[in-house]
């Protein structure tokens, strides 16, 4: 696989994401780890579950943070 066009040399080792509702109640803290995506782009990926503190219902969450312009050219 080709190398990404660019990388962020100042990127942290992980991202800490706090999930809050509109009233400011914390549902969870999710950690996004560095990832090289199948497209060749680089960034972070997180997947975890959050719990509604009011109802106890659980939600699944997946998110990606892709460095813009890191996808290798053809």
PDB file of N, CA and C in Angstrom:
ATOM      1  N   UNK A   1       0.849  -1.181   0.000  1.00  0.00           N
ATOM      2  CA  UNK A   1       0.000   0.000   0.000  1.00  0.00           C
ATOM      3  C   UNK A   1       0.892   1.241   0.000  1.00  0.00           C
ATOM      4  N   UNK A   2       0.557   2.235  -0.821  1.00  0.00           N
ATOM      5  CA  UNK A   2       1.348   3.469  -0.862  1.00  0.00           C
ATOM      6  C   UNK A   2       1.312   4.210   0.470  1.00  0.00           C
ATOM      7  N   UNK A   3       2.364   4.938   0.733  1.00  0.00           N
ATOM      8  CA  UNK A   3       2.433   5.766   1.941  1.00  0.00           C
ATOM      9  C   UNK A   3       1.455   6.932   1.841  1.00  0.00           C
ATOM     10  N   UNK A   4       0.880   7.363   2.999  1.00  0.00           N
ATOM     11  CA  UNK A   4       0.024   8.555   2.987  1.00  0.00           C
ATOM     12  C   UNK A   4       0.790   9.761   2.450  1.00  0.00           C
ATOM     13  N   UNK A   5       0.070  10.658   1.785  1.00  0.00           N
ATOM     14  CA  UNK A   5       0.694  11.854   1.232  1.00  0.00           C
ATOM     15  C   UNK A   5       1.276  12.727   2.336  1.00  0.00           C
ATOM     16  N   UNK A   6       0.557  12.815   3.452  1.00  0.00           N
ATOM     17  CA  UNK A   6       1.071  13.602   4.571  1.00  0.00           C
ATOM     18  C   UNK A   6       0.688  12.949   5.888  1.00  0.00           C
ATOM     19  N   UNK A   7       1.423  13.296   6.924  1.00  0.00           N
ATOM     20  CA  UNK A   7       1.147  12.856   8.291  1.00  0.00           C
ATOM     21  C   UNK A   7       1.237  14.081   9.193  1.00  0.00           C
ATOM     22  N   UNK A   8       0.599  14.016  10.330  1.00  0.00           N
ATOM     23  CA  UNK A   8       0.639  15.111  11.303  1.00  0.00           C
ATOM     24  C   UNK A   8       1.693  14.770  12.348  1.00  0.00           C
ATOM     25  N   UNK A   9       2.835  15.394  12.259  1.00  0.00           N
ATOM     26  CA  UNK A   9       3.938  15.084  13.178  1.00  0.00           C
ATOM     27  C   UNK A   9       3.656  15.545  14.606  1.00  0.00           C
ATOM     28  N   UNK A  10       2.661  16.381  14.789  1.00  0.00           N
ATOM     29  CA  UNK A  10       2.292  16.877  16.125  1.00  0.00           C
ATOM     30  C   UNK A  10       1.051  16.164  16.671  1.00  0.00           C
ATOM     31  N   UNK A  11       0.594  15.111  16.010  1.00  0.00           N
ATOM     32  CA  UNK A  11      -0.612  14.402  16.437  1.00  0.00           C
ATOM     33  C   UNK A  11      -0.363  13.687  17.767  1.00  0.00           C
ATOM     34  N   UNK A  12      -1.336  13.700  18.666  1.00  0.00           N
ATOM     35  CA  UNK A  12      -1.185  13.010  19.947  1.00  0.00           C
ATOM     36  C   UNK A  12      -1.292  11.492  19.770  1.00  0.00           C
ATOM     37  N   UNK A  13      -0.946  10.746  20.815  1.00  0.00           N
ATOM     38  CA  UNK A  13      -0.982   9.279  20.767  1.00  0.00           C
ATOM     39  C   UNK A  13      -2.404   8.746  20.720  1.00  0.00           C
ATOM     40  N   UNK A  14      -3.369   9.482  21.236  1.00  0.00           N
ATOM     41  CA  UNK A  14      -4.782   9.097  21.175  1.00  0.00           C
ATOM     42  C   UNK A  14      -5.629  10.336  21.408  1.00  0.00           C
ATOM     43  N   UNK A  15      -6.934  10.222  21.130  1.00  0.00           N
ATOM     44  CA  UNK A  15      -7.888  11.295  21.404  1.00  0.00           C
ATOM     45  C   UNK A  15      -8.852  10.820  22.483  1.00  0.00           C
ATOM     46  N   UNK A  16      -9.167  11.682  23.415  1.00  0.00           N
ATOM     47  CA  UNK A  16     -10.142  11.382  24.461  1.00  0.00           C
ATOM     48  C   UNK A  16     -11.399  12.186  24.160  1.00  0.00           C
ATOM     49  N   UNK A  17     -12.506  11.475  23.939  1.00  0.00           N
ATOM     50  CA  UNK A  17     -13.756  12.117  23.555  1.00  0.00           C
ATOM     51  C   UNK A  17     -14.774  11.926  24.671  1.00  0.00           C
ATOM     52  N   UNK A  18     -15.293  13.025  25.196  1.00  0.00           N
ATOM     53  CA  UNK A  18     -16.322  12.958  26.224  1.00  0.00           C
ATOM     54  C   UNK A  18     -17.678  13.138  25.555  1.00  0.00           C
ATOM     55  N   UNK A  19     -18.568  12.170  25.764  1.00  0.00           N
ATOM     56  CA  UNK A  19     -19.911  12.221  25.177  1.00  0.00           C
ATOM     57  C   UNK A  19     -20.861  12.770  26.232  1.00  0.00           C
ATOM     58  N   UNK A  20     -21.484  13.920  25.920  1.00  0.00           N
ATOM     59  CA  UNK A  20     -22.420  14.569  26.838  1.00  0.00           C
ATOM     60  C   UNK A  20     -23.739  14.780  26.127  1.00  0.00           C
ATOM     61  N   UNK A  21     -24.821  14.808  26.902  1.00  0.00           N
ATOM     62  CA  UNK A  21     -26.115  15.134  26.310  1.00  0.00           C
ATOM     63  C   UNK A  21     -26.324  16.646  26.343  1.00  0.00           C
ATOM     64  N   UNK A  22     -27.470  17.080  25.852  1.00  0.00           N
ATOM     65  CA  UNK A  22     -27.751  18.515  25.751  1.00  0.00           C
ATOM     66  C   UNK A  22     -27.854  19.205  27.109  1.00  0.00           C
ATOM     67  N   UNK A  23     -27.993  18.407  28.183  1.00  0.00           N
ATOM     68  CA  UNK A  23     -28.047  18.975  29.536  1.00  0.00           C
ATOM     69  C   UNK A  23     -26.694  18.927  30.232  1.00  0.00           C
ATOM     70  N   UNK A  24     -25.670  18.434  29.521  1.00  0.00           N
ATOM     71  CA  UNK A  24     -24.329  18.384  30.074  1.00  0.00           C
ATOM     72  C   UNK A  24     -24.009  17.122  30.865  1.00  0.00           C
ATOM     73  N   UNK A  25     -24.925  16.152  30.896  1.00  0.00           N
ATOM     74  CA  UNK A  25     -24.675  14.898  31.609  1.00  0.00           C
ATOM     75  C   UNK A  25     -23.761  14.012  30.765  1.00  0.00           C
ATOM     76  N   UNK A  26     -22.707  13.492  31.402  1.00  0.00           N
ATOM     77  CA  UNK A  26     -21.733  12.662  30.698  1.00  0.00           C
ATOM     78  C   UNK A  26     -22.276  11.255  30.521  1.00  0.00           C
ATOM     79  N   UNK A  27     -22.246  10.777  29.291  1.00  0.00           N
ATOM     80  CA  UNK A  27     -22.670   9.410  28.975  1.00  0.00           C
ATOM     81  C   UNK A  27     -21.477   8.470  28.991  1.00  0.00           C
ATOM     82  N   UNK A  28     -20.325   8.925  28.498  1.00  0.00           N
ATOM     83  CA  UNK A  28     -19.125   8.084  28.475  1.00  0.00           C
ATOM     84  C   UNK A  28     -17.927   8.888  28.025  1.00  0.00           C
ATOM     85  N   UNK A  29     -16.769   8.276  28.171  1.00  0.00           N
ATOM     86  CA  UNK A  29     -15.526   8.789  27.608  1.00  0.00           C
ATOM     87  C   UNK A  29     -15.019   7.721  26.655  1.00  0.00           C
ATOM     88  N   UNK A  30     -14.746   8.114  25.433  1.00  0.00           N
ATOM     89  CA  UNK A  30     -14.310   7.188  24.388  1.00  0.00           C
ATOM     90  C   UNK A  30     -12.903   7.596  23.953  1.00  0.00           C
ATOM     91  N   UNK A  31     -12.059   6.610  23.717  1.00  0.00           N
ATOM     92  CA  UNK A  31     -10.683   6.869  23.300  1.00  0.00           C
ATOM     93  C   UNK A  31     -10.497   6.441  21.850  1.00  0.00           C
ATOM     94  N   UNK A  32     -10.045   7.373  21.031  1.00  0.00           N
ATOM     95  CA  UNK A  32      -9.775   7.089  19.622  1.00  0.00           C
ATOM     96  C   UNK A  32      -8.283   6.814  19.476  1.00  0.00           C
ATOM     97  N   UNK A  33      -7.965   5.695  18.843  1.00  0.00           N
ATOM     98  CA  UNK A  33      -6.587   5.274  18.644  1.00  0.00           C
ATOM     99  C   UNK A  33      -6.141   5.594  17.217  1.00  0.00           C
ATOM    100  N   UNK A  34      -4.835   5.778  17.003  1.00  0.00           N
ATOM    101  CA  UNK A  34      -4.331   6.035  15.651  1.00  0.00           C
ATOM    102  C   UNK A  34      -4.693   4.881  14.712  1.00  0.00           C
ATOM    103  N   UNK A  35      -4.931   5.214  13.457  1.00  0.00           N
ATOM    104  CA  UNK A  35      -5.327   4.180  12.497  1.00  0.00           C
ATOM    105  C   UNK A  35      -4.865   4.559  11.101  1.00  0.00           C
ATOM    106  N   UNK A  36      -4.425   3.549  10.367  1.00  0.00           N
ATOM    107  CA  UNK A  36      -4.201   3.690   8.929  1.00  0.00           C
ATOM    108  C   UNK A  36      -5.379   2.999   8.268  1.00  0.00           C
ATOM    109  N   UNK A  37      -6.213   3.753   7.586  1.00  0.00           N
ATOM    110  CA  UNK A  37      -7.426   3.237   6.980  1.00  0.00           C
ATOM    111  C   UNK A  37      -7.112   2.472   5.699  1.00  0.00           C
ATOM    112  N   UNK A  38      -8.042   1.629   5.272  1.00  0.00           N
ATOM    113  CA  UNK A  38      -7.828   0.800   4.079  1.00  0.00           C
ATOM    114  C   UNK A  38      -7.631   1.644   2.825  1.00  0.00           C
ATOM    115  N   UNK A  39      -8.079   2.889   2.858  1.00  0.00           N
ATOM    116  CA  UNK A  39      -7.905   3.802   1.716  1.00  0.00           C
ATOM    117  C   UNK A  39      -6.481   4.329   1.621  1.00  0.00           C
ATOM    118  N   UNK A  40      -5.699   4.147   2.692  1.00  0.00           N
ATOM    119  CA  UNK A  40      -4.343   4.687   2.747  1.00  0.00           C
ATOM    120  C   UNK A  40      -4.268   5.960   3.565  1.00  0.00           C
ATOM    121  N   UNK A  41      -5.420   6.546   3.894  1.00  0.00           N
ATOM    122  CA  UNK A  41      -5.452   7.741   4.738  1.00  0.00           C
ATOM    123  C   UNK A  41      -5.069   7.372   6.171  1.00  0.00           C
ATOM    124  N   UNK A  42      -4.671   8.371   6.941  1.00  0.00           N
ATOM    125  CA  UNK A  42      -4.348   8.159   8.350  1.00  0.00           C
ATOM    126  C   UNK A  42      -5.237   9.027   9.219  1.00  0.00           C
ATOM    127  N   UNK A  43      -5.344   8.661  10.479  1.00  0.00           N
ATOM    128  CA  UNK A  43      -6.143   9.430  11.423  1.00  0.00           C
ATOM    129  C   UNK A  43      -6.376   8.638  12.681  1.00  0.00           C
ATOM    130  N   UNK A  44      -7.603   8.692  13.201  1.00  0.00           N
ATOM    131  CA  UNK A  44      -7.976   8.010  14.443  1.00  0.00           C
ATOM    132  C   UNK A  44      -9.311   7.304  14.239  1.00  0.00           C
ATOM    133  N   UNK A  45      -9.521   6.236  15.020  1.00  0.00           N
ATOM    134  CA  UNK A  45     -10.786   5.526  14.978  1.00  0.00           C
ATOM    135  C   UNK A  45     -11.190   5.151  16.397  1.00  0.00           C
ATOM    136  N   UNK A  46     -12.481   5.273  16.691  1.00  0.00           N
ATOM    137  CA  UNK A  46     -13.005   4.893  18.005  1.00  0.00           C
ATOM    138  C   UNK A  46     -14.308   4.138  17.828  1.00  0.00           C
ATOM    139  N   UNK A  47     -14.511   3.145  18.675  1.00  0.00           N
ATOM    140  CA  UNK A  47     -15.751   2.392  18.699  1.00  0.00           C
ATOM    141  C   UNK A  47     -15.977   1.958  20.136  1.00  0.00           C
ATOM    142  N   UNK A  48     -17.141   2.276  20.685  1.00  0.00           N
ATOM    143  CA  UNK A  48     -17.435   1.936  22.075  1.00  0.00           C
ATOM    144  C   UNK A  48     -18.929   2.068  22.310  1.00  0.00           C
ATOM    145  N   UNK A  49     -19.331   1.849  23.529  1.00  0.00           N
ATOM    146  CA  UNK A  49     -20.736   1.972  23.909  1.00  0.00           C
ATOM    147  C   UNK A  49     -20.885   3.092  24.937  1.00  0.00           C
ATOM    148  N   UNK A  50     -22.017   3.779  24.885  1.00  0.00           N
ATOM    149  CA  UNK A  50     -22.360   4.829  25.835  1.00  0.00           C
ATOM    150  C   UNK A  50     -23.685   4.471  26.491  1.00  0.00           C
ATOM    151  N   UNK A  51     -23.834   4.857  27.751  1.00  0.00           N
ATOM    152  CA  UNK A  51     -25.061   4.574  28.492  1.00  0.00           C
ATOM    153  C   UNK A  51     -25.758   5.874  28.862  1.00  0.00           C
ATOM    154  N   UNK A  52     -27.056   5.946  28.566  1.00  0.00           N
ATOM    155  CA  UNK A  52     -27.861   7.086  28.972  1.00  0.00           C
ATOM    156  C   UNK A  52     -27.984   7.034  30.497  1.00  0.00           C
ATOM    157  N   UNK A  53     -27.444   8.031  31.212  1.00  0.00           N
ATOM    158  CA  UNK A  53     -27.484   7.987  32.676  1.00  0.00           C
ATOM    159  C   UNK A  53     -28.897   8.063  33.260  1.00  0.00           C
ATOM    160  N   UNK A  54     -29.853   8.554  32.475  1.00  0.00           N
ATOM    161  CA  UNK A  54     -31.234   8.668  32.949  1.00  0.00           C
ATOM    162  C   UNK A  54     -32.001   7.351  32.819  1.00  0.00           C
ATOM    163  N   UNK A  55     -31.843   6.668  31.683  1.00  0.00           N
ATOM    164  CA  UNK A  55     -32.635   5.472  31.417  1.00  0.00           C
ATOM    165  C   UNK A  55     -31.859   4.166  31.550  1.00  0.00           C
ATOM    166  N   UNK A  56     -30.534   4.254  31.485  1.00  0.00           N
ATOM    167  CA  UNK A  56     -29.723   3.049  31.514  1.00  0.00           C
ATOM    168  C   UNK A  56     -29.617   2.367  30.157  1.00  0.00           C
ATOM    169  N   UNK A  57     -30.291   2.902  29.141  1.00  0.00           N
ATOM    170  CA  UNK A  57     -30.210   2.328  27.794  1.00  0.00           C
ATOM    171  C   UNK A  57     -28.814   2.558  27.230  1.00  0.00           C
ATOM    172  N   UNK A  58     -28.344   1.575  26.448  1.00  0.00           N
ATOM    173  CA  UNK A  58     -26.990   1.651  25.896  1.00  0.00           C
ATOM    174  C   UNK A  58     -27.043   1.931  24.399  1.00  0.00           C
ATOM    175  N   UNK A  59     -26.066   2.680  23.941  1.00  0.00           N
ATOM    176  CA  UNK A  59     -25.917   3.047  22.539  1.00  0.00           C
ATOM    177  C   UNK A  59     -24.525   2.655  22.077  1.00  0.00           C
ATOM    178  N   UNK A  60     -24.424   2.256  20.818  1.00  0.00           N
ATOM    179  CA  UNK A  60     -23.121   1.940  20.236  1.00  0.00           C
ATOM    180  C   UNK A  60     -22.684   3.096  19.357  1.00  0.00           C
ATOM    181  N   UNK A  61     -21.406   3.400  19.398  1.00  0.00           N
ATOM    182  CA  UNK A  61     -20.874   4.539  18.661  1.00  0.00           C
ATOM    183  C   UNK A  61     -19.605   4.126  17.924  1.00  0.00           C
ATOM    184  N   UNK A  62     -19.468   4.572  16.702  1.00  0.00           N
ATOM    185  CA  UNK A  62     -18.240   4.406  15.938  1.00  0.00           C
ATOM    186  C   UNK A  62     -17.942   5.711  15.240  1.00  0.00           C
ATOM    187  N   UNK A  63     -16.687   6.130  15.271  1.00  0.00           N
ATOM    188  CA  UNK A  63     -16.337   7.390  14.618  1.00  0.00           C
ATOM    189  C   UNK A  63     -14.912   7.358  14.107  1.00  0.00           C
ATOM    190  N   UNK A  64     -14.684   8.085  13.045  1.00  0.00           N
ATOM    191  CA  UNK A  64     -13.338   8.196  12.498  1.00  0.00           C
ATOM    192  C   UNK A  64     -12.970   9.665  12.348  1.00  0.00           C
ATOM    193  N   UNK A  65     -11.686   9.918  12.509  1.00  0.00           N
ATOM    194  CA  UNK A  65     -11.105  11.250  12.334  1.00  0.00           C
ATOM    195  C   UNK A  65      -9.999  11.059  11.308  1.00  0.00           C
ATOM    196  N   UNK A  66     -10.226  11.548  10.097  1.00  0.00           N
ATOM    197  CA  UNK A  66      -9.286  11.332   9.017  1.00  0.00           C
ATOM    198  C   UNK A  66      -8.514  12.619   8.728  1.00  0.00           C
ATOM    199  N   UNK A  67      -7.189  12.501   8.639  1.00  0.00           N
ATOM    200  CA  UNK A  67      -6.351  13.658   8.319  1.00  0.00           C
ATOM    201  C   UNK A  67      -6.632  14.048   6.865  1.00  0.00           C
ATOM    202  N   UNK A  68      -7.156  15.229   6.677  1.00  0.00           N
ATOM    203  CA  UNK A  68      -7.498  15.715   5.337  1.00  0.00           C
ATOM    204  C   UNK A  68      -6.227  15.816   4.511  1.00  0.00           C
ATOM    205  N   UNK A  69      -6.283  15.218   3.325  1.00  0.00           N
ATOM    206  CA  UNK A  69      -5.154  15.275   2.406  1.00  0.00           C
ATOM    207  C   UNK A  69      -4.130  14.171   2.612  1.00  0.00           C
ATOM    208  N   UNK A  70      -4.431  13.194   3.473  1.00  0.00           N
ATOM    209  CA  UNK A  70      -3.445  12.128   3.720  1.00  0.00           C
ATOM    210  C   UNK A  70      -3.617  10.933   2.779  1.00  0.00           C
ATOM    211  N   UNK A  71      -4.699  10.879   2.036  1.00  0.00           N
ATOM    212  CA  UNK A  71      -4.933   9.736   1.137  1.00  0.00           C
ATOM    213  C   UNK A  71      -3.902   9.758  -0.001  1.00  0.00           C
ATOM    214  N   UNK A  72      -3.231   8.620  -0.207  1.00  0.00           N
ATOM    215  CA  UNK A  72      -2.242   8.557  -1.278  1.00  0.00           C
ATOM    216  C   UNK A  72      -2.888   8.771  -2.653  1.00  0.00           C
ATOM    217  N   UNK A  73      -2.162   9.383  -3.551  1.00  0.00           N
ATOM    218  CA  UNK A  73      -2.650   9.567  -4.918  1.00  0.00           C
ATOM    219  C   UNK A  73      -2.493   8.282  -5.707  1.00  0.00           C
ATOM    220  N   UNK A  74      -3.072   8.247  -6.854  1.00  0.00           N
ATOM    221  CA  UNK A  74      -2.985   7.048  -7.703  1.00  0.00           C
ATOM    222  C   UNK A  74      -1.766   7.075  -8.559  1.00  0.00           C
TER     223      UNK A  74
END
